Amino acid sequence: MISIRPEEAKDYDQVRAINLAAFEGGPEADLIDILRSSCAEHLSLVAEDGGEVIGHILFTPVTVFDRGAMPDGGGVARYRDEFEAAM
């Protein structure tokens, strides 16, 4: 049975391996390590099946700028209409 629980230090190697596999060795695994160590306000959860970590998600604070904050209306604001339509 799959369970979700807070990530623990003992999970770091398994979480890194999951992210390396999921993102084909991209920088995402490094980003997870950096955010985990530098962002005190984060929530990191793992999915576990039979004692093996099989999934991971990390939530960190983010600042979303208003459309006017970027000259081209970029970032999340660029997709505001699509987000609102989906709600």
N, C-alpha and C. Protein backbone atom coordinates (compact mmCIF):
# COMPACT_ATOMS: atom_id res chain seq x y z
N MET A 1 0.84 -1.18 0.00
CA MET A 1 0.00 0.00 0.00
C MET A 1 0.89 1.25 0.00
N ILE A 2 0.51 2.21 -0.79
CA ILE A 2 1.26 3.46 -0.89
C ILE A 2 0.84 4.39 0.23
N SER A 3 1.83 5.01 0.86
CA SER A 3 1.55 6.00 1.90
C SER A 3 2.35 7.27 1.60
N ILE A 4 1.85 8.38 2.09
CA ILE A 4 2.51 9.68 1.94
C ILE A 4 2.96 10.11 3.33
N ARG A 5 4.21 10.57 3.41
CA ARG A 5 4.74 11.02 4.70
C ARG A 5 5.76 12.12 4.46
N PRO A 6 6.10 12.89 5.52
CA PRO A 6 7.13 13.91 5.38
C PRO A 6 8.48 13.26 5.03
N GLU A 7 9.23 13.94 4.19
CA GLU A 7 10.57 13.48 3.85
C GLU A 7 11.47 13.55 5.08
N GLU A 8 12.36 12.58 5.21
CA GLU A 8 13.35 12.55 6.28
C GLU A 8 14.74 12.52 5.65
N ALA A 9 15.75 12.85 6.44
CA ALA A 9 17.13 12.87 5.93
C ALA A 9 17.52 11.53 5.31
N LYS A 10 17.00 10.44 5.86
CA LYS A 10 17.34 9.12 5.32
C LYS A 10 16.81 8.91 3.90
N ASP A 11 15.89 9.78 3.44
CA ASP A 11 15.29 9.65 2.12
C ASP A 11 16.06 10.40 1.02
N TYR A 12 16.98 11.26 1.40
CA TYR A 12 17.61 12.17 0.44
C TYR A 12 18.20 11.45 -0.77
N ASP A 13 18.92 10.36 -0.55
CA ASP A 13 19.53 9.65 -1.68
C ASP A 13 18.47 9.06 -2.61
N GLN A 14 17.42 8.49 -2.04
CA GLN A 14 16.36 7.93 -2.87
C GLN A 14 15.61 9.03 -3.62
N VAL A 15 15.37 10.15 -2.96
CA VAL A 15 14.69 11.28 -3.61
C VAL A 15 15.54 11.81 -4.76
N ARG A 16 16.84 11.91 -4.53
CA ARG A 16 17.74 12.38 -5.59
C ARG A 16 17.69 11.43 -6.79
N ALA A 17 17.73 10.13 -6.53
CA ALA A 17 17.68 9.15 -7.61
C ALA A 17 16.36 9.25 -8.39
N ILE A 18 15.26 9.46 -7.68
CA ILE A 18 13.95 9.61 -8.33
C ILE A 18 13.95 10.82 -9.25
N ASN A 19 14.47 11.94 -8.76
CA ASN A 19 14.49 13.15 -9.57
C ASN A 19 15.45 13.06 -10.74
N LEU A 20 16.57 12.41 -10.55
CA LEU A 20 17.50 12.20 -11.68
C LEU A 20 16.84 11.35 -12.76
N ALA A 21 16.12 10.32 -12.35
CA ALA A 21 15.45 9.46 -13.33
C ALA A 21 14.29 10.19 -14.00
N ALA A 22 13.52 10.93 -13.22
CA ALA A 22 12.34 11.61 -13.75
C ALA A 22 12.71 12.71 -14.73
N PHE A 23 13.81 13.38 -14.49
CA PHE A 23 14.20 14.52 -15.32
C PHE A 23 15.45 14.23 -16.15
N GLU A 24 15.71 12.95 -16.36
CA GLU A 24 16.81 12.50 -17.22
C GLU A 24 18.14 13.17 -16.88
N GLY A 25 18.44 13.21 -15.58
CA GLY A 25 19.73 13.74 -15.13
C GLY A 25 19.84 15.24 -15.18
N GLY A 26 18.73 15.92 -15.35
CA GLY A 26 18.73 17.37 -15.44
C GLY A 26 19.04 18.04 -14.10
N PRO A 27 19.03 19.36 -14.09
CA PRO A 27 19.41 20.12 -12.89
C PRO A 27 18.36 20.09 -11.78
N GLU A 28 17.22 19.48 -12.04
CA GLU A 28 16.15 19.47 -11.03
C GLU A 28 16.58 18.81 -9.73
N ALA A 29 17.36 17.74 -9.81
CA ALA A 29 17.82 17.06 -8.59
C ALA A 29 18.70 17.99 -7.76
N ASP A 30 19.55 18.77 -8.42
CA ASP A 30 20.38 19.75 -7.71
C ASP A 30 19.52 20.84 -7.10
N LEU A 31 18.51 21.27 -7.84
CA LEU A 31 17.61 22.30 -7.33
C LEU A 31 16.90 21.83 -6.06
N ILE A 32 16.46 20.59 -6.04
CA ILE A 32 15.81 20.04 -4.84
C ILE A 32 16.76 20.11 -3.65
N ASP A 33 18.02 19.71 -3.86
CA ASP A 33 19.01 19.76 -2.78
C ASP A 33 19.21 21.19 -2.28
N ILE A 34 19.30 22.12 -3.21
CA ILE A 34 19.52 23.53 -2.85
C ILE A 34 18.33 24.08 -2.09
N LEU A 35 17.13 23.84 -2.60
CA LEU A 35 15.93 24.36 -1.93
C LEU A 35 15.75 23.75 -0.55
N ARG A 36 16.00 22.48 -0.44
CA ARG A 36 15.84 21.79 0.85
C ARG A 36 16.76 22.40 1.90
N SER A 37 17.99 22.73 1.51
CA SER A 37 18.95 23.24 2.48
C SER A 37 18.86 24.75 2.70
N SER A 38 18.32 25.48 1.74
CA SER A 38 18.33 26.93 1.86
C SER A 38 16.99 27.56 2.18
N CYS A 39 15.92 26.81 2.07
CA CYS A 39 14.58 27.35 2.28
C CYS A 39 13.99 26.73 3.54
N ALA A 40 14.00 27.49 4.62
CA ALA A 40 13.50 26.96 5.89
C ALA A 40 12.00 26.65 5.82
N GLU A 41 11.27 27.43 5.03
CA GLU A 41 9.82 27.24 4.93
C GLU A 41 9.51 26.39 3.71
N HIS A 42 9.60 25.09 3.86
CA HIS A 42 9.26 24.18 2.77
C HIS A 42 8.53 22.96 3.32
N LEU A 43 7.82 22.32 2.43
CA LEU A 43 7.14 21.07 2.76
C LEU A 43 7.59 20.05 1.74
N SER A 44 8.24 19.01 2.19
CA SER A 44 8.75 17.97 1.31
C SER A 44 8.13 16.64 1.73
N LEU A 45 7.41 16.02 0.79
CA LEU A 45 6.71 14.78 1.06
C LEU A 45 7.22 13.68 0.15
N VAL A 46 7.19 12.45 0.65
CA VAL A 46 7.54 11.30 -0.18
C VAL A 46 6.37 10.33 -0.20
N ALA A 47 6.28 9.62 -1.31
CA ALA A 47 5.34 8.50 -1.43
C ALA A 47 6.17 7.24 -1.21
N GLU A 48 5.65 6.35 -0.40
CA GLU A 48 6.39 5.15 -0.02
C GLU A 48 5.52 3.93 -0.26
N ASP A 49 6.15 2.89 -0.79
CA ASP A 49 5.45 1.64 -1.03
C ASP A 49 6.33 0.51 -0.52
N GLY A 50 5.89 -0.18 0.51
CA GLY A 50 6.68 -1.28 1.06
C GLY A 50 8.04 -0.86 1.57
N GLY A 51 8.14 0.34 2.12
CA GLY A 51 9.40 0.82 2.66
C GLY A 51 10.32 1.47 1.64
N GLU A 52 9.91 1.49 0.36
CA GLU A 52 10.72 2.10 -0.69
C GLU A 52 10.09 3.43 -1.11
N VAL A 53 10.92 4.47 -1.18
CA VAL A 53 10.44 5.77 -1.65
C VAL A 53 10.25 5.69 -3.16
N ILE A 54 9.02 5.98 -3.60
CA ILE A 54 8.71 5.87 -5.03
C ILE A 54 8.27 7.19 -5.66
N GLY A 55 8.14 8.23 -4.83
CA GLY A 55 7.74 9.53 -5.35
C GLY A 55 8.10 10.64 -4.39
N HIS A 56 8.12 11.86 -4.90
CA HIS A 56 8.52 13.00 -4.09
C HIS A 56 7.86 14.26 -4.62
N ILE A 57 7.52 15.16 -3.70
CA ILE A 57 7.05 16.50 -4.07
C ILE A 57 7.57 17.48 -3.04
N LEU A 58 7.95 18.64 -3.52
CA LEU A 58 8.50 19.69 -2.66
C LEU A 58 7.73 20.97 -2.92
N PHE A 59 7.23 21.57 -1.84
CA PHE A 59 6.53 22.84 -1.92
C PHE A 59 7.41 23.89 -1.25
N THR A 60 7.62 25.03 -1.91
CA THR A 60 8.36 26.14 -1.33
C THR A 60 7.57 27.42 -1.57
N PRO A 61 7.81 28.45 -0.77
CA PRO A 61 7.12 29.72 -1.01
C PRO A 61 7.51 30.27 -2.38
N VAL A 62 6.58 30.99 -2.97
CA VAL A 62 6.83 31.61 -4.27
C VAL A 62 6.11 32.95 -4.31
N THR A 63 6.69 33.89 -4.99
CA THR A 63 6.05 35.18 -5.20
C THR A 63 5.55 35.23 -6.63
N VAL A 64 4.27 35.51 -6.79
CA VAL A 64 3.68 35.62 -8.12
C VAL A 64 3.49 37.11 -8.40
N PHE A 65 4.08 37.56 -9.49
CA PHE A 65 4.01 38.96 -9.85
C PHE A 65 2.75 39.25 -10.64
N ASP A 66 2.29 40.47 -10.50
CA ASP A 66 1.16 40.93 -11.29
C ASP A 66 1.61 41.09 -12.75
N ARG A 67 0.68 41.00 -13.65
CA ARG A 67 0.96 41.11 -15.08
C ARG A 67 1.79 42.36 -15.38
N GLY A 68 1.53 43.44 -14.70
CA GLY A 68 2.25 44.69 -14.95
C GLY A 68 3.68 44.68 -14.44
N ALA A 69 4.05 43.69 -13.65
CA ALA A 69 5.40 43.65 -13.07
C ALA A 69 6.45 43.24 -14.10
N MET A 70 6.03 42.61 -15.18
CA MET A 70 6.97 42.18 -16.21
C MET A 70 6.61 42.89 -17.51
N PRO A 71 7.61 43.40 -18.21
CA PRO A 71 7.34 44.19 -19.42
C PRO A 71 6.48 43.47 -20.45
N ASP A 72 6.66 42.16 -20.61
CA ASP A 72 5.90 41.43 -21.62
C ASP A 72 4.71 40.69 -21.04
N GLY A 73 4.40 40.95 -19.75
CA GLY A 73 3.29 40.24 -19.11
C GLY A 73 3.61 38.78 -18.91
N GLY A 74 4.89 38.43 -18.81
CA GLY A 74 5.34 37.05 -18.75
C GLY A 74 5.06 36.37 -17.43
N GLY A 75 5.65 35.23 -17.27
CA GLY A 75 5.48 34.44 -16.06
C GLY A 75 4.08 33.86 -15.98
N VAL A 76 3.64 33.59 -14.76
CA VAL A 76 2.34 32.98 -14.55
C VAL A 76 1.23 33.87 -15.11
N ALA A 77 1.42 35.18 -15.03
CA ALA A 77 0.39 36.09 -15.52
C ALA A 77 0.08 35.84 -16.99
N ARG A 78 1.04 35.38 -17.73
CA ARG A 78 0.85 35.10 -19.16
C ARG A 78 -0.25 34.06 -19.37
N TYR A 79 -0.45 33.18 -18.39
CA TYR A 79 -1.41 32.09 -18.52
C TYR A 79 -2.66 32.31 -17.67
N ARG A 80 -2.85 33.51 -17.21
CA ARG A 80 -3.97 33.81 -16.31
C ARG A 80 -5.31 33.40 -16.92
N ASP A 81 -5.54 33.72 -18.18
CA ASP A 81 -6.82 33.39 -18.80
C ASP A 81 -7.07 31.89 -18.79
N GLU A 82 -6.04 31.10 -19.09
CA GLU A 82 -6.18 29.64 -19.10
C GLU A 82 -6.47 29.12 -17.69
N PHE A 83 -5.78 29.69 -16.68
CA PHE A 83 -6.00 29.26 -15.31
C PHE A 83 -7.45 29.58 -14.89
N GLU A 84 -7.91 30.78 -15.20
CA GLU A 84 -9.24 31.18 -14.81
C GLU A 84 -10.30 30.32 -15.52
N ALA A 85 -10.05 29.99 -16.78
CA ALA A 85 -10.99 29.15 -17.53
C ALA A 85 -11.08 27.75 -16.94
N ALA A 86 -9.96 27.27 -16.41
CA ALA A 86 -9.93 25.92 -15.84
C ALA A 86 -10.62 25.84 -14.48
N MET A 87 -10.77 26.97 -13.83
CA MET A 87 -11.38 26.98 -12.48
C MET A 87 -12.84 26.89 -12.57
